[in-house]
């Protein structure tokens, strides 16, 4: 019923645009988060798993080709992408990446190799840090230090954790190294000393001291 309602509202917008003869217009559909709906025995949002973190990014209009691109993207990409599609120079600095080249040709190599995501504890008991290149996902629990590794290509529902399997050791170490390097750039968090991950801490959801 919720999906049907959203479809109806999108239809109203597109119909009005047609009647008003607006265009050429770029239409981008996305969402702020997903819903676990029982995956991993969890509900609601704020988790690193696909049910929560994977949201749609559908574009239509001038400069947008056809096809599906599996490159990982984040919501920070929306702003520079719309500017790129409109031919407007990007301000410096800007968060996110201009995805307009990928929208024009989904087969292009993405500008970034992977994305980093995180969330402080909310419905769960501990925060999560994760990285994915769209094919593999590495999850690290900041309080207990538990690691998870998923093959998204062959296990899109993330039901087989490969972190403890010997055959995935090299991949796990590579992903862990990326996380160590990324979090080492944030020494105030105390999650990495540049050589190893340091568990035992949940980051607060609101951190006004970083805005000072």
N, C-alpha and C. Protein backbone atom coordinates (compact mmCIF):
# COMPACT_ATOMS: atom_id res chain seq x y z
N UNK A 1 0.84 -1.21 0.00
CA UNK A 1 0.00 0.00 0.00
C UNK A 1 0.87 1.26 0.00
N UNK A 2 1.97 1.23 0.77
CA UNK A 2 2.85 2.40 0.80
C UNK A 2 3.51 2.62 -0.56
N UNK A 3 3.96 1.54 -1.19
CA UNK A 3 4.58 1.67 -2.51
C UNK A 3 3.57 2.17 -3.53
N UNK A 4 2.34 1.63 -3.44
CA UNK A 4 1.29 2.09 -4.34
C UNK A 4 0.99 3.57 -4.15
N UNK A 5 1.00 4.03 -2.92
CA UNK A 5 0.77 5.45 -2.63
C UNK A 5 1.86 6.32 -3.24
N UNK A 6 3.14 5.89 -3.06
CA UNK A 6 4.25 6.66 -3.64
C UNK A 6 4.14 6.70 -5.15
N UNK A 7 3.81 5.57 -5.78
CA UNK A 7 3.65 5.54 -7.24
C UNK A 7 2.59 6.53 -7.69
N UNK A 8 1.48 6.59 -6.96
CA UNK A 8 0.40 7.52 -7.34
C UNK A 8 0.86 8.97 -7.25
N UNK A 9 1.61 9.31 -6.20
CA UNK A 9 2.06 10.68 -6.04
C UNK A 9 3.09 11.07 -7.11
N UNK A 10 3.97 10.12 -7.45
CA UNK A 10 4.92 10.39 -8.54
C UNK A 10 4.16 10.61 -9.84
N UNK A 11 3.14 9.81 -10.05
CA UNK A 11 2.32 9.97 -11.25
C UNK A 11 1.67 11.35 -11.33
N UNK A 12 1.22 11.87 -10.20
CA UNK A 12 0.61 13.20 -10.17
C UNK A 12 1.63 14.26 -10.58
N UNK A 13 2.86 14.13 -10.07
CA UNK A 13 3.91 15.10 -10.41
C UNK A 13 4.23 15.05 -11.90
N UNK A 14 4.42 13.84 -12.42
CA UNK A 14 4.77 13.71 -13.85
C UNK A 14 3.64 14.19 -14.74
N UNK A 15 2.41 13.91 -14.34
CA UNK A 15 1.27 14.37 -15.13
C UNK A 15 1.20 15.90 -15.14
N UNK A 16 1.42 16.51 -13.99
CA UNK A 16 1.39 17.97 -13.93
C UNK A 16 2.50 18.58 -14.77
N UNK A 17 3.69 17.95 -14.74
CA UNK A 17 4.79 18.46 -15.55
C UNK A 17 4.46 18.41 -17.03
N UNK A 18 3.80 17.33 -17.44
CA UNK A 18 3.39 17.20 -18.84
C UNK A 18 2.37 18.26 -19.21
N UNK A 19 1.38 18.46 -18.35
CA UNK A 19 0.34 19.45 -18.63
C UNK A 19 0.90 20.86 -18.66
N UNK A 20 1.89 21.14 -17.82
CA UNK A 20 2.49 22.47 -17.77
C UNK A 20 3.60 22.64 -18.80
N UNK A 21 3.89 21.55 -19.50
CA UNK A 21 4.91 21.55 -20.54
C UNK A 21 6.25 22.03 -20.00
N UNK A 22 6.61 21.51 -18.86
CA UNK A 22 7.90 21.81 -18.26
C UNK A 22 8.97 20.93 -18.87
N UNK A 23 10.11 21.49 -19.13
CA UNK A 23 11.18 20.67 -19.65
C UNK A 23 12.13 21.47 -20.52
N UNK A 24 13.28 20.90 -20.88
CA UNK A 24 13.71 19.55 -20.46
C UNK A 24 13.99 19.50 -18.96
N UNK A 25 13.54 18.45 -18.31
CA UNK A 25 13.61 18.35 -16.86
C UNK A 25 14.33 17.07 -16.45
N UNK A 26 15.16 17.19 -15.44
CA UNK A 26 15.84 16.03 -14.86
C UNK A 26 15.04 15.55 -13.65
N UNK A 27 14.69 14.29 -13.64
CA UNK A 27 13.94 13.71 -12.54
C UNK A 27 14.84 12.71 -11.84
N UNK A 28 14.97 12.86 -10.54
CA UNK A 28 15.81 11.95 -9.75
C UNK A 28 14.99 11.45 -8.57
N UNK A 29 14.87 10.14 -8.46
CA UNK A 29 14.10 9.52 -7.37
C UNK A 29 15.05 8.79 -6.44
N UNK A 30 14.95 9.08 -5.16
CA UNK A 30 15.77 8.39 -4.17
C UNK A 30 15.03 8.35 -2.84
N UNK A 31 15.70 7.93 -1.78
CA UNK A 31 15.08 7.81 -0.47
C UNK A 31 16.15 8.01 0.59
N UNK A 32 15.73 8.33 1.82
CA UNK A 32 16.73 8.56 2.86
C UNK A 32 17.19 7.26 3.51
N UNK A 33 16.37 6.24 3.55
CA UNK A 33 16.78 4.96 4.14
C UNK A 33 15.78 3.88 3.74
N UNK A 34 16.19 2.63 3.96
CA UNK A 34 15.31 1.51 3.71
C UNK A 34 14.66 1.03 5.01
N UNK A 35 14.17 -0.18 4.99
CA UNK A 35 13.47 -0.77 6.13
C UNK A 35 13.87 -2.24 6.22
N UNK A 36 14.37 -2.65 7.39
CA UNK A 36 14.89 -4.02 7.53
C UNK A 36 13.81 -5.08 7.34
N UNK A 37 12.62 -4.86 7.84
CA UNK A 37 11.48 -5.77 7.62
C UNK A 37 11.81 -7.22 8.01
N UNK A 38 12.57 -7.38 9.09
CA UNK A 38 12.87 -8.72 9.58
C UNK A 38 14.19 -9.29 9.12
N UNK A 39 14.85 -8.67 8.13
CA UNK A 39 16.17 -9.15 7.71
C UNK A 39 17.12 -9.11 8.91
N UNK A 40 17.89 -10.16 9.09
CA UNK A 40 18.81 -10.27 10.23
C UNK A 40 18.06 -10.15 11.57
N UNK A 41 16.76 -10.47 11.53
CA UNK A 41 15.91 -10.37 12.72
C UNK A 41 15.83 -8.94 13.24
N UNK A 42 15.90 -7.98 12.33
CA UNK A 42 15.89 -6.57 12.71
C UNK A 42 14.74 -5.85 12.01
N UNK A 43 14.35 -4.74 12.59
CA UNK A 43 13.33 -3.89 11.98
C UNK A 43 13.83 -2.44 11.97
N UNK A 44 13.13 -1.62 11.24
CA UNK A 44 13.43 -0.19 11.10
C UNK A 44 14.72 0.04 10.31
N UNK A 45 15.52 1.03 10.74
CA UNK A 45 16.64 1.49 9.92
C UNK A 45 17.91 1.55 10.77
N UNK A 46 18.88 2.37 10.35
CA UNK A 46 20.15 2.68 11.03
C UNK A 46 21.16 1.55 11.00
N UNK A 47 20.99 0.56 10.15
CA UNK A 47 21.92 -0.56 10.07
C UNK A 47 22.72 -0.52 8.77
N UNK A 48 23.85 -1.22 8.77
CA UNK A 48 24.73 -1.24 7.60
C UNK A 48 24.23 -2.20 6.52
N UNK A 49 23.26 -3.02 6.84
CA UNK A 49 22.80 -4.05 5.90
C UNK A 49 21.98 -3.45 4.76
N UNK A 50 21.86 -4.21 3.68
CA UNK A 50 21.22 -3.71 2.47
C UNK A 50 19.80 -3.24 2.70
N UNK A 51 19.05 -3.95 3.54
CA UNK A 51 17.67 -3.56 3.77
C UNK A 51 17.52 -2.14 4.27
N UNK A 52 18.51 -1.67 5.01
CA UNK A 52 18.48 -0.31 5.56
C UNK A 52 19.27 0.67 4.72
N UNK A 53 20.47 0.27 4.30
CA UNK A 53 21.41 1.20 3.68
C UNK A 53 21.25 1.34 2.17
N UNK A 54 20.72 0.33 1.49
CA UNK A 54 20.59 0.39 0.03
C UNK A 54 19.27 1.05 -0.35
N UNK A 55 19.35 2.22 -0.96
CA UNK A 55 18.15 2.94 -1.36
C UNK A 55 18.20 3.19 -2.87
N UNK A 56 17.07 3.43 -3.50
CA UNK A 56 17.06 3.63 -4.95
C UNK A 56 17.67 4.96 -5.35
N UNK A 57 18.27 4.98 -6.52
CA UNK A 57 18.72 6.23 -7.15
C UNK A 57 18.40 6.08 -8.64
N UNK A 58 17.27 6.62 -9.04
CA UNK A 58 16.76 6.46 -10.40
C UNK A 58 16.69 7.83 -11.05
N UNK A 59 17.29 7.95 -12.21
CA UNK A 59 17.35 9.25 -12.88
C UNK A 59 16.76 9.15 -14.29
N UNK A 60 16.18 10.25 -14.73
CA UNK A 60 15.60 10.33 -16.08
C UNK A 60 15.69 11.77 -16.56
N UNK A 61 16.03 11.93 -17.83
CA UNK A 61 16.07 13.26 -18.40
C UNK A 61 17.28 13.46 -19.29
N UNK A 62 17.54 14.68 -19.73
CA UNK A 62 18.69 14.97 -20.60
C UNK A 62 20.00 14.56 -19.94
N UNK A 63 20.84 13.88 -20.71
CA UNK A 63 22.13 13.45 -20.20
C UNK A 63 22.11 12.13 -19.47
N UNK A 64 20.94 11.50 -19.38
CA UNK A 64 20.82 10.23 -18.68
C UNK A 64 20.58 9.12 -19.69
N UNK A 65 21.47 8.12 -19.69
CA UNK A 65 21.32 7.00 -20.61
C UNK A 65 20.40 5.93 -20.04
N UNK A 66 20.48 4.74 -20.61
CA UNK A 66 19.67 3.62 -20.15
C UNK A 66 20.58 2.55 -19.56
N UNK A 67 20.03 1.76 -18.66
CA UNK A 67 20.79 0.69 -18.06
C UNK A 67 20.87 0.83 -16.55
N UNK A 68 21.50 -0.14 -15.95
CA UNK A 68 21.65 -0.18 -14.50
C UNK A 68 23.13 -0.16 -14.16
N UNK A 69 23.51 0.68 -13.21
CA UNK A 69 24.90 0.80 -12.78
C UNK A 69 25.02 0.27 -11.36
N UNK A 70 25.97 -0.62 -11.12
CA UNK A 70 26.14 -1.21 -9.80
C UNK A 70 27.14 -0.48 -8.92
N UNK A 71 27.64 0.66 -9.36
CA UNK A 71 28.61 1.40 -8.56
C UNK A 71 27.96 1.92 -7.29
N UNK A 72 28.64 1.86 -6.14
CA UNK A 72 28.05 2.37 -4.91
C UNK A 72 28.04 3.89 -4.89
N UNK A 73 26.94 4.44 -4.43
CA UNK A 73 26.79 5.90 -4.36
C UNK A 73 26.21 6.26 -3.00
N UNK A 74 26.26 7.53 -2.66
CA UNK A 74 25.71 8.01 -1.40
C UNK A 74 24.85 9.25 -1.68
N UNK A 75 24.03 9.63 -0.71
CA UNK A 75 23.12 10.74 -0.92
C UNK A 75 23.87 12.06 -1.11
N UNK A 76 25.09 12.16 -0.58
CA UNK A 76 25.88 13.38 -0.81
C UNK A 76 26.16 13.60 -2.29
N UNK A 77 25.99 12.56 -3.11
CA UNK A 77 26.26 12.68 -4.54
C UNK A 77 25.14 13.40 -5.29
N UNK A 78 23.96 13.52 -4.68
CA UNK A 78 22.82 14.09 -5.39
C UNK A 78 23.10 15.53 -5.82
N UNK A 79 23.59 16.34 -4.89
CA UNK A 79 23.84 17.76 -5.19
C UNK A 79 24.83 17.96 -6.33
N UNK A 80 26.05 17.39 -6.27
CA UNK A 80 26.98 17.60 -7.38
C UNK A 80 26.50 16.96 -8.68
N UNK A 81 25.71 15.89 -8.58
CA UNK A 81 25.22 15.23 -9.79
C UNK A 81 24.21 16.11 -10.52
N UNK A 82 23.28 16.72 -9.79
CA UNK A 82 22.31 17.61 -10.43
C UNK A 82 22.99 18.82 -11.03
N UNK A 83 24.01 19.34 -10.36
CA UNK A 83 24.77 20.46 -10.93
C UNK A 83 25.48 20.02 -12.21
N UNK A 84 26.06 18.80 -12.17
CA UNK A 84 26.76 18.29 -13.34
C UNK A 84 25.83 18.12 -14.53
N UNK A 85 24.63 17.57 -14.27
CA UNK A 85 23.66 17.37 -15.35
C UNK A 85 23.17 18.70 -15.92
N UNK A 86 23.13 19.72 -15.06
CA UNK A 86 22.68 21.03 -15.51
C UNK A 86 23.80 21.87 -16.12
N UNK A 87 25.04 21.33 -16.12
CA UNK A 87 26.15 22.06 -16.68
C UNK A 87 26.65 23.19 -15.81
N UNK A 88 26.39 23.11 -14.51
CA UNK A 88 26.81 24.15 -13.57
C UNK A 88 28.11 23.72 -12.89
N UNK A 89 29.13 24.58 -12.84
CA UNK A 89 30.39 24.21 -12.19
C UNK A 89 30.17 23.88 -10.72
N UNK A 90 30.92 22.91 -10.22
CA UNK A 90 30.80 22.50 -8.83
C UNK A 90 31.56 23.47 -7.93
N UNK A 91 30.98 23.84 -6.81
CA UNK A 91 31.72 24.66 -5.84
C UNK A 91 32.81 23.83 -5.19
N UNK A 92 33.80 24.50 -4.64
CA UNK A 92 34.89 23.82 -3.95
C UNK A 92 35.01 24.35 -2.53
N UNK A 93 35.07 23.49 -1.52
CA UNK A 93 34.93 22.04 -1.64
C UNK A 93 33.46 21.64 -1.70
N UNK A 94 33.21 20.40 -2.10
CA UNK A 94 31.85 19.87 -2.12
C UNK A 94 31.88 18.41 -1.70
N UNK A 95 30.93 18.03 -0.88
CA UNK A 95 30.82 16.62 -0.50
C UNK A 95 30.16 15.86 -1.64
N UNK A 96 30.53 14.61 -1.80
CA UNK A 96 29.92 13.80 -2.84
C UNK A 96 30.65 13.88 -4.16
N UNK A 97 30.17 13.10 -5.11
CA UNK A 97 30.78 12.96 -6.42
C UNK A 97 29.73 13.22 -7.50
N UNK A 98 30.14 13.88 -8.56
CA UNK A 98 29.25 14.10 -9.70
C UNK A 98 29.09 12.77 -10.45
N UNK A 99 27.88 12.24 -10.43
CA UNK A 99 27.61 10.94 -11.06
C UNK A 99 27.13 11.07 -12.50
N UNK A 100 27.09 12.29 -13.03
CA UNK A 100 26.53 12.46 -14.37
C UNK A 100 27.26 11.63 -15.43
N UNK A 101 28.60 11.43 -15.36
CA UNK A 101 29.23 10.54 -16.34
C UNK A 101 28.71 9.10 -16.25
N UNK A 102 28.45 8.61 -15.04
CA UNK A 102 27.90 7.26 -14.88
C UNK A 102 26.46 7.19 -15.36
N UNK A 103 25.69 8.25 -15.15
CA UNK A 103 24.31 8.25 -15.62
C UNK A 103 24.25 8.25 -17.14
N UNK A 104 25.21 8.92 -17.77
CA UNK A 104 25.26 8.93 -19.23
C UNK A 104 25.69 7.58 -19.78
N UNK A 105 26.60 6.92 -19.06
CA UNK A 105 27.12 5.63 -19.51
C UNK A 105 27.36 4.75 -18.29
N UNK A 106 26.39 3.89 -17.91
CA UNK A 106 26.53 3.06 -16.71
C UNK A 106 27.71 2.10 -16.74
N UNK A 107 28.30 1.87 -17.91
CA UNK A 107 29.42 0.94 -18.00
C UNK A 107 30.75 1.61 -17.65
N UNK A 108 30.76 2.91 -17.45
CA UNK A 108 31.99 3.62 -17.12
C UNK A 108 32.53 3.18 -15.76
N UNK A 109 33.84 3.32 -15.59
CA UNK A 109 34.44 3.03 -14.30
C UNK A 109 34.10 4.16 -13.33
N UNK A 110 33.58 3.84 -12.14
CA UNK A 110 33.22 4.91 -11.20
C UNK A 110 34.44 5.67 -10.69
N UNK A 111 34.21 6.90 -10.26
CA UNK A 111 35.30 7.75 -9.79
C UNK A 111 35.88 7.24 -8.47
N UNK A 112 35.05 6.66 -7.61
CA UNK A 112 35.52 6.15 -6.33
C UNK A 112 35.52 4.62 -6.32
N UNK A 113 36.46 4.03 -5.59
CA UNK A 113 36.57 2.58 -5.54
C UNK A 113 35.58 1.97 -4.55
N UNK A 114 35.21 2.72 -3.51
CA UNK A 114 34.29 2.19 -2.51
C UNK A 114 33.69 3.36 -1.74
N UNK A 115 32.65 3.08 -0.98
CA UNK A 115 32.06 4.09 -0.12
C UNK A 115 32.17 3.63 1.33
N UNK A 116 32.20 4.60 2.22
CA UNK A 116 32.25 4.35 3.66
C UNK A 116 30.97 4.87 4.28
N UNK A 117 30.33 4.04 5.09
CA UNK A 117 29.11 4.45 5.78
C UNK A 117 29.22 4.17 7.27
N UNK A 118 28.40 4.83 8.04
CA UNK A 118 28.45 4.63 9.49
C UNK A 118 27.12 5.03 10.12
N UNK A 119 26.87 4.52 11.31
CA UNK A 119 25.72 4.95 12.09
C UNK A 119 25.97 4.67 13.55
N UNK A 120 25.62 5.64 14.38
CA UNK A 120 25.71 5.44 15.82
C UNK A 120 24.58 4.50 16.26
N UNK A 121 24.65 3.90 17.45
CA UNK A 121 23.59 3.01 17.90
C UNK A 121 22.27 3.75 18.03
N UNK A 122 21.22 3.13 17.59
CA UNK A 122 19.89 3.73 17.69
C UNK A 122 18.93 2.66 18.18
N UNK A 123 18.42 1.85 17.26
CA UNK A 123 17.55 0.74 17.66
C UNK A 123 18.39 -0.44 18.15
N UNK A 124 19.64 -0.53 17.67
CA UNK A 124 20.54 -1.58 18.12
C UNK A 124 21.38 -1.11 19.30
N UNK A 125 22.25 -1.98 19.78
CA UNK A 125 23.05 -1.68 20.97
C UNK A 125 24.42 -1.10 20.64
N UNK A 126 24.83 -1.16 19.39
CA UNK A 126 26.13 -0.62 19.06
C UNK A 126 26.15 -0.05 17.66
N UNK A 127 27.12 0.84 17.44
CA UNK A 127 27.25 1.48 16.16
C UNK A 127 27.92 0.58 15.14
N UNK A 128 27.75 0.94 13.88
CA UNK A 128 28.31 0.17 12.77
C UNK A 128 29.10 1.08 11.86
N UNK A 129 30.24 0.59 11.40
CA UNK A 129 31.00 1.20 10.32
C UNK A 129 31.02 0.18 9.19
N UNK A 130 30.87 0.64 7.94
CA UNK A 130 30.91 -0.32 6.84
C UNK A 130 31.52 0.29 5.60
N UNK A 131 32.01 -0.58 4.74
CA UNK A 131 32.55 -0.18 3.44
C UNK A 131 32.05 -1.17 2.39
N UNK A 132 31.77 -0.64 1.21
CA UNK A 132 31.36 -1.50 0.11
C UNK A 132 31.80 -0.91 -1.22
N UNK A 133 32.16 -1.80 -2.14
CA UNK A 133 32.44 -1.40 -3.52
C UNK A 133 31.30 -1.82 -4.44
N UNK A 134 30.19 -2.22 -3.85
CA UNK A 134 29.05 -2.69 -4.62
C UNK A 134 29.06 -4.19 -4.84
N UNK A 135 30.22 -4.81 -4.64
CA UNK A 135 30.34 -6.25 -4.82
C UNK A 135 30.58 -6.97 -3.48
N UNK A 136 31.32 -6.32 -2.61
CA UNK A 136 31.65 -6.87 -1.29
C UNK A 136 31.30 -5.83 -0.24
N UNK A 137 30.84 -6.28 0.91
CA UNK A 137 30.58 -5.35 2.01
C UNK A 137 31.28 -5.84 3.28
N UNK A 138 32.00 -4.91 3.91
CA UNK A 138 32.68 -5.16 5.17
C UNK A 138 31.99 -4.35 6.25
N UNK A 139 31.63 -5.00 7.35
CA UNK A 139 30.94 -4.35 8.45
C UNK A 139 31.77 -4.53 9.71
N UNK A 140 31.96 -3.45 10.47
CA UNK A 140 32.69 -3.50 11.73
C UNK A 140 31.85 -2.88 12.82
N UNK A 141 31.63 -3.63 13.91
CA UNK A 141 30.87 -3.15 15.06
C UNK A 141 31.83 -2.42 16.00
N UNK A 142 31.55 -1.17 16.28
CA UNK A 142 32.52 -0.34 17.00
C UNK A 142 32.63 -0.69 18.49
N UNK A 143 31.62 -1.31 19.07
CA UNK A 143 31.67 -1.61 20.50
C UNK A 143 32.34 -2.95 20.77
N UNK A 144 31.92 -3.98 20.06
CA UNK A 144 32.46 -5.32 20.30
C UNK A 144 33.64 -5.66 19.40
N UNK A 145 33.80 -4.94 18.28
CA UNK A 145 34.85 -5.26 17.33
C UNK A 145 34.50 -6.39 16.39
N UNK A 146 33.28 -6.85 16.41
CA UNK A 146 32.86 -7.94 15.51
C UNK A 146 32.94 -7.49 14.06
N UNK A 147 33.42 -8.38 13.21
CA UNK A 147 33.53 -8.11 11.78
C UNK A 147 32.57 -9.02 11.00
N UNK A 148 32.05 -8.48 9.92
CA UNK A 148 31.25 -9.27 8.99
C UNK A 148 31.70 -8.95 7.56
N UNK A 149 31.61 -9.96 6.70
CA UNK A 149 32.01 -9.80 5.30
C UNK A 149 30.99 -10.52 4.43
N UNK A 150 30.45 -9.80 3.44
CA UNK A 150 29.42 -10.37 2.59
C UNK A 150 29.79 -10.22 1.11
N UNK A 151 29.47 -11.26 0.35
CA UNK A 151 29.63 -11.25 -1.10
C UNK A 151 28.29 -10.82 -1.69
N UNK A 152 28.15 -9.54 -2.02
CA UNK A 152 26.87 -9.02 -2.47
C UNK A 152 26.45 -9.54 -3.83
N UNK A 153 27.40 -9.94 -4.65
CA UNK A 153 27.06 -10.45 -5.98
C UNK A 153 26.36 -11.80 -5.89
N UNK A 154 26.88 -12.68 -5.03
CA UNK A 154 26.32 -14.02 -4.91
C UNK A 154 25.41 -14.19 -3.69
N UNK A 155 25.41 -13.19 -2.81
CA UNK A 155 24.62 -13.26 -1.59
C UNK A 155 24.02 -11.88 -1.32
N UNK A 156 23.11 -11.40 -2.19
CA UNK A 156 22.59 -10.04 -2.05
C UNK A 156 21.77 -9.81 -0.79
N UNK A 157 21.27 -10.88 -0.18
CA UNK A 157 20.49 -10.74 1.05
C UNK A 157 21.36 -10.82 2.30
N UNK A 158 22.66 -10.99 2.11
CA UNK A 158 23.64 -10.99 3.21
C UNK A 158 23.30 -12.02 4.30
N UNK A 159 23.12 -13.25 3.87
CA UNK A 159 22.80 -14.31 4.83
C UNK A 159 24.01 -15.19 5.14
N UNK A 160 25.11 -15.04 4.39
CA UNK A 160 26.30 -15.85 4.61
C UNK A 160 27.47 -14.94 4.96
N UNK A 161 27.82 -14.91 6.22
CA UNK A 161 28.94 -14.11 6.70
C UNK A 161 30.25 -14.85 6.42
N UNK A 162 31.14 -14.24 5.63
CA UNK A 162 32.39 -14.89 5.23
C UNK A 162 33.57 -14.52 6.11
N UNK A 163 33.36 -13.69 7.13
CA UNK A 163 34.49 -13.15 7.90
C UNK A 163 35.35 -14.23 8.54
N UNK A 164 34.75 -15.34 8.94
CA UNK A 164 35.50 -16.38 9.65
C UNK A 164 36.01 -17.48 8.72
N UNK A 165 35.76 -17.35 7.42
CA UNK A 165 36.15 -18.40 6.50
C UNK A 165 37.58 -18.18 6.00
N UNK A 166 38.42 -19.21 6.06
CA UNK A 166 39.82 -19.06 5.64
C UNK A 166 39.97 -18.54 4.20
N UNK A 167 39.08 -18.95 3.31
CA UNK A 167 39.21 -18.55 1.91
C UNK A 167 38.98 -17.05 1.72
N UNK A 168 38.37 -16.40 2.70
CA UNK A 168 38.10 -14.97 2.59
C UNK A 168 39.08 -14.13 3.40
N UNK A 169 40.15 -14.76 3.93
CA UNK A 169 41.07 -14.06 4.82
C UNK A 169 41.72 -12.86 4.14
N UNK A 170 42.22 -13.05 2.93
CA UNK A 170 42.91 -11.95 2.23
C UNK A 170 41.96 -10.80 1.96
N UNK A 171 40.74 -11.11 1.54
CA UNK A 171 39.75 -10.06 1.28
C UNK A 171 39.37 -9.34 2.57
N UNK A 172 39.21 -10.09 3.65
CA UNK A 172 38.88 -9.48 4.94
C UNK A 172 39.98 -8.52 5.38
N UNK A 173 41.22 -8.93 5.24
CA UNK A 173 42.34 -8.08 5.65
C UNK A 173 42.43 -6.83 4.79
N UNK A 174 42.13 -6.96 3.51
CA UNK A 174 42.14 -5.80 2.63
C UNK A 174 41.06 -4.79 3.04
N UNK A 175 39.86 -5.30 3.31
CA UNK A 175 38.76 -4.43 3.73
C UNK A 175 39.05 -3.79 5.09
N UNK A 176 39.60 -4.58 6.00
CA UNK A 176 39.94 -4.04 7.31
C UNK A 176 40.99 -2.94 7.18
N UNK A 177 41.96 -3.13 6.30
CA UNK A 177 42.98 -2.12 6.08
C UNK A 177 42.39 -0.82 5.58
N UNK A 178 41.42 -0.91 4.69
CA UNK A 178 40.76 0.30 4.20
C UNK A 178 40.06 1.03 5.34
N UNK A 179 39.40 0.26 6.22
CA UNK A 179 38.69 0.88 7.33
C UNK A 179 39.67 1.53 8.31
N UNK A 180 40.79 0.84 8.58
CA UNK A 180 41.81 1.40 9.47
C UNK A 180 42.31 2.73 8.93
N UNK A 181 42.60 2.77 7.65
CA UNK A 181 43.11 3.99 7.03
C UNK A 181 42.07 5.11 7.07
N UNK A 182 40.83 4.78 6.76
CA UNK A 182 39.79 5.81 6.74
C UNK A 182 39.55 6.39 8.14
N UNK A 183 39.45 5.54 9.14
CA UNK A 183 39.15 6.02 10.49
C UNK A 183 40.36 6.66 11.16
N UNK A 184 41.56 6.35 10.69
CA UNK A 184 42.76 6.99 11.24
C UNK A 184 42.77 8.48 10.96
N UNK A 185 42.06 8.89 9.93
CA UNK A 185 41.96 10.30 9.61
C UNK A 185 41.03 11.07 10.53
N UNK A 186 40.43 10.35 11.48
CA UNK A 186 39.53 10.97 12.45
C UNK A 186 40.00 10.59 13.85
N UNK A 187 41.14 11.09 14.29
CA UNK A 187 41.71 10.66 15.57
C UNK A 187 40.82 10.98 16.76
N UNK A 188 39.95 11.98 16.61
CA UNK A 188 39.07 12.34 17.73
C UNK A 188 38.06 11.23 18.04
N UNK A 189 37.84 10.33 17.09
CA UNK A 189 36.87 9.25 17.31
C UNK A 189 37.47 8.10 18.12
N UNK A 190 38.79 7.93 18.06
CA UNK A 190 39.44 6.86 18.80
C UNK A 190 39.12 5.47 18.30
N UNK A 191 38.77 5.34 17.01
CA UNK A 191 38.41 4.03 16.47
C UNK A 191 39.56 3.37 15.71
N UNK A 192 40.63 4.11 15.44
CA UNK A 192 41.78 3.56 14.71
C UNK A 192 43.03 4.35 15.07
N UNK A 193 44.13 3.62 15.26
CA UNK A 193 45.41 4.29 15.53
C UNK A 193 46.31 4.27 14.30
N UNK A 194 45.73 3.89 13.15
CA UNK A 194 46.50 3.82 11.92
C UNK A 194 47.11 2.46 11.66
N UNK A 195 47.08 1.59 12.69
CA UNK A 195 47.62 0.23 12.54
C UNK A 195 46.56 -0.84 12.76
N UNK A 196 45.59 -0.51 13.57
CA UNK A 196 44.54 -1.47 13.89
C UNK A 196 43.27 -0.73 14.26
N UNK A 197 42.16 -1.43 14.18
CA UNK A 197 40.89 -0.88 14.64
C UNK A 197 40.81 -1.01 16.15
N UNK A 198 40.22 -0.03 16.80
CA UNK A 198 40.14 0.00 18.25
C UNK A 198 38.67 -0.05 18.67
N UNK A 199 38.16 -1.21 19.04
CA UNK A 199 36.76 -1.31 19.46
C UNK A 199 36.59 -0.83 20.89
N UNK A 200 35.34 -0.84 21.35
CA UNK A 200 35.05 -0.49 22.73
C UNK A 200 34.34 0.83 22.89
N UNK A 201 33.97 1.47 21.77
CA UNK A 201 33.34 2.78 21.87
C UNK A 201 32.21 2.92 20.86
N UNK A 202 31.11 3.51 21.32
CA UNK A 202 30.03 3.91 20.43
C UNK A 202 30.08 5.42 20.25
N UNK A 203 30.09 5.87 19.02
CA UNK A 203 30.08 7.31 18.76
C UNK A 203 28.68 7.86 19.02
N UNK A 204 28.58 9.05 19.61
CA UNK A 204 27.27 9.66 19.83
C UNK A 204 26.63 10.08 18.52
N UNK A 205 25.31 10.15 18.53
CA UNK A 205 24.59 10.52 17.31
C UNK A 205 24.73 12.00 16.99
N UNK A 206 24.83 12.83 18.01
CA UNK A 206 24.94 14.27 17.83
C UNK A 206 26.27 14.73 18.40
N UNK A 207 27.05 15.45 17.60
CA UNK A 207 28.39 15.85 18.02
C UNK A 207 28.62 17.31 17.68
N UNK A 208 28.03 18.21 18.43
CA UNK A 208 28.13 19.65 18.12
C UNK A 208 29.55 20.18 18.19
N UNK A 209 30.44 19.50 18.93
CA UNK A 209 31.81 20.00 19.05
C UNK A 209 32.54 19.98 17.71
N UNK A 210 32.11 19.10 16.77
CA UNK A 210 32.75 19.04 15.47
C UNK A 210 32.33 20.19 14.56
N UNK A 211 31.29 20.90 14.94
CA UNK A 211 30.81 22.02 14.12
C UNK A 211 31.40 23.34 14.58
N UNK A 212 32.14 23.32 15.67
CA UNK A 212 32.68 24.57 16.21
C UNK A 212 33.78 25.12 15.31
